[in-house]
Amino acid sequence: MKNLKKLSRTQLKSVVGGRACSIAIQQSNGTWVTHSGSCAYHMGNANEGTGYAQGSHYCNIGDGKIYHLTSNGGVSHCDD
């Protein structure tokens, strides 16, 4: 147990993996940019203002943010 190594998010992602997903984010000029990522699990508190209930899936695009879905009925395909 003395040789344990703390993994970074990037390293952990390569170990755990996840189903591929993508989200499109509208820019201030009205254009849309699609970002690829992998499905992840959010264990946060429902009161933290993310719009996600505790214990929900989302598409992790690697920018450290959890985006509230405004399309697809507000349901992530990561929950399928």
C-alpha atoms as a PDB file:
ATOM      1  CA  MET A   1       0.000   0.000   0.000  1.00  0.00           C
ATOM      2  CA  LYS A   2       2.987   2.329   0.222  1.00  0.00           C
ATOM      3  CA  ASN A   3       3.324   2.436  -3.571  1.00  0.00           C
ATOM      4  CA  LEU A   4      -0.087   3.958  -4.305  1.00  0.00           C
ATOM      5  CA  LYS A   5      -0.175   6.704  -6.909  1.00  0.00           C
ATOM      6  CA  LYS A   6      -2.827   9.386  -7.136  1.00  0.00           C
ATOM      7  CA  LEU A   7      -4.088   9.541 -10.723  1.00  0.00           C
ATOM      8  CA  SER A   8      -4.913  12.768 -12.519  1.00  0.00           C
ATOM      9  CA  ARG A   9      -8.321  13.155 -14.189  1.00  0.00           C
ATOM     10  CA  THR A  10      -6.753  12.426 -17.564  1.00  0.00           C
ATOM     11  CA  GLN A  11      -5.050   9.295 -16.285  1.00  0.00           C
ATOM     12  CA  LEU A  12      -8.212   8.127 -14.537  1.00  0.00           C
ATOM     13  CA  LYS A  13     -10.240   8.667 -17.709  1.00  0.00           C
ATOM     14  CA  SER A  14      -7.870   6.407 -19.637  1.00  0.00           C
ATOM     15  CA  VAL A  15      -8.303   3.684 -17.001  1.00  0.00           C
ATOM     16  CA  VAL A  16     -12.050   3.948 -16.441  1.00  0.00           C
ATOM     17  CA  GLY A  17     -13.003   5.078 -19.944  1.00  0.00           C
ATOM     18  CA  GLY A  18     -16.629   5.671 -20.694  1.00  0.00           C
ATOM     19  CA  ARG A  19     -19.095   5.647 -23.516  1.00  0.00           C
ATOM     20  CA  ALA A  20     -18.440   8.309 -26.147  1.00  0.00           C
ATOM     21  CA  CYS A  21     -20.760  11.321 -26.271  1.00  0.00           C
ATOM     22  CA  SER A  22     -20.877  14.838 -27.659  1.00  0.00           C
ATOM     23  CA  ILE A  23     -22.561  18.133 -26.886  1.00  0.00           C
ATOM     24  CA  ALA A  24     -23.139  21.186 -29.061  1.00  0.00           C
ATOM     25  CA  ILE A  25     -22.674  24.571 -27.397  1.00  0.00           C
ATOM     26  CA  GLN A  26     -24.012  27.741 -28.967  1.00  0.00           C
ATOM     27  CA  GLN A  27     -21.469  30.540 -29.150  1.00  0.00           C
ATOM     28  CA  SER A  28     -22.191  34.232 -28.550  1.00  0.00           C
ATOM     29  CA  ASN A  29     -22.200  34.846 -32.322  1.00  0.00           C
ATOM     30  CA  GLY A  30     -24.953  32.237 -32.837  1.00  0.00           C
ATOM     31  CA  THR A  31     -22.774  29.482 -34.286  1.00  0.00           C
ATOM     32  CA  TRP A  32     -22.623  26.019 -32.744  1.00  0.00           C
ATOM     33  CA  VAL A  33     -19.480  24.138 -31.732  1.00  0.00           C
ATOM     34  CA  THR A  34     -19.636  20.387 -31.093  1.00  0.00           C
ATOM     35  CA  HIS A  35     -17.391  18.953 -28.373  1.00  0.00           C
ATOM     36  CA  SER A  36     -16.616  15.239 -28.021  1.00  0.00           C
ATOM     37  CA  GLY A  37     -16.206  13.597 -24.652  1.00  0.00           C
ATOM     38  CA  SER A  38     -17.102  10.549 -22.628  1.00  0.00           C
ATOM     39  CA  CYS A  39     -20.005   9.799 -20.345  1.00  0.00           C
ATOM     40  CA  ALA A  40     -19.261  10.476 -16.692  1.00  0.00           C
ATOM     41  CA  TYR A  41     -21.146  10.296 -13.410  1.00  0.00           C
ATOM     42  CA  HIS A  42     -21.849  13.374 -11.296  1.00  0.00           C
ATOM     43  CA  MET A  43     -22.064  12.634  -7.570  1.00  0.00           C
ATOM     44  CA  GLY A  44     -22.663  16.266  -6.555  1.00  0.00           C
ATOM     45  CA  ASN A  45     -25.346  17.861  -4.473  1.00  0.00           C
ATOM     46  CA  ALA A  46     -28.651  18.690  -6.179  1.00  0.00           C
ATOM     47  CA  ASN A  47     -28.558  22.131  -4.511  1.00  0.00           C
ATOM     48  CA  GLU A  48     -25.318  23.308  -6.116  1.00  0.00           C
ATOM     49  CA  GLY A  49     -27.091  24.981  -9.031  1.00  0.00           C
ATOM     50  CA  THR A  50     -25.892  22.737 -11.853  1.00  0.00           C
ATOM     51  CA  GLY A  51     -29.379  21.643 -12.848  1.00  0.00           C
ATOM     52  CA  TYR A  52     -28.363  18.041 -12.355  1.00  0.00           C
ATOM     53  CA  ALA A  53     -29.839  15.853  -9.667  1.00  0.00           C
ATOM     54  CA  GLN A  54     -27.471  14.041  -7.365  1.00  0.00           C
ATOM     55  CA  GLY A  55     -26.205  10.877  -9.008  1.00  0.00           C
ATOM     56  CA  SER A  56     -26.750  11.728 -12.677  1.00  0.00           C
ATOM     57  CA  HIS A  57     -24.752  11.091 -15.847  1.00  0.00           C
ATOM     58  CA  TYR A  58     -23.417  13.807 -18.132  1.00  0.00           C
ATOM     59  CA  CYS A  59     -21.056  14.224 -21.081  1.00  0.00           C
ATOM     60  CA  ASN A  60     -17.603  15.189 -19.808  1.00  0.00           C
ATOM     61  CA  ILE A  61     -15.835  17.236 -22.478  1.00  0.00           C
ATOM     62  CA  GLY A  62     -12.778  17.886 -20.322  1.00  0.00           C
ATOM     63  CA  ASP A  63     -13.290  21.550 -19.458  1.00  0.00           C
ATOM     64  CA  GLY A  64     -14.253  20.936 -15.827  1.00  0.00           C
ATOM     65  CA  LYS A  65     -17.842  22.154 -16.302  1.00  0.00           C
ATOM     66  CA  ILE A  66     -21.169  20.365 -16.120  1.00  0.00           C
ATOM     67  CA  TYR A  67     -23.613  21.808 -18.615  1.00  0.00           C
ATOM     68  CA  HIS A  68     -27.360  21.879 -18.018  1.00  0.00           C
ATOM     69  CA  LEU A  69     -29.073  20.333 -21.038  1.00  0.00           C
ATOM     70  CA  THR A  70     -31.587  22.515 -22.848  1.00  0.00           C
ATOM     71  CA  SER A  71     -32.423  20.062 -25.631  1.00  0.00           C
ATOM     72  CA  ASN A  72     -33.254  16.353 -25.841  1.00  0.00           C
ATOM     73  CA  GLY A  73     -35.888  16.912 -23.158  1.00  0.00           C
ATOM     74  CA  GLY A  74     -33.093  17.767 -20.717  1.00  0.00           C
ATOM     75  CA  VAL A  75     -32.068  14.091 -20.601  1.00  0.00           C
ATOM     76  CA  SER A  76     -28.523  13.019 -21.407  1.00  0.00           C
ATOM     77  CA  HIS A  77     -28.010  10.072 -23.763  1.00  0.00           C
ATOM     78  CA  CYS A  78     -25.467   8.966 -21.184  1.00  0.00           C
ATOM     79  CA  ASP A  79     -28.485   7.891 -19.102  1.00  0.00           C
ATOM     80  CA  ASP A  80     -29.711   5.549 -21.899  1.00  0.00           C
END
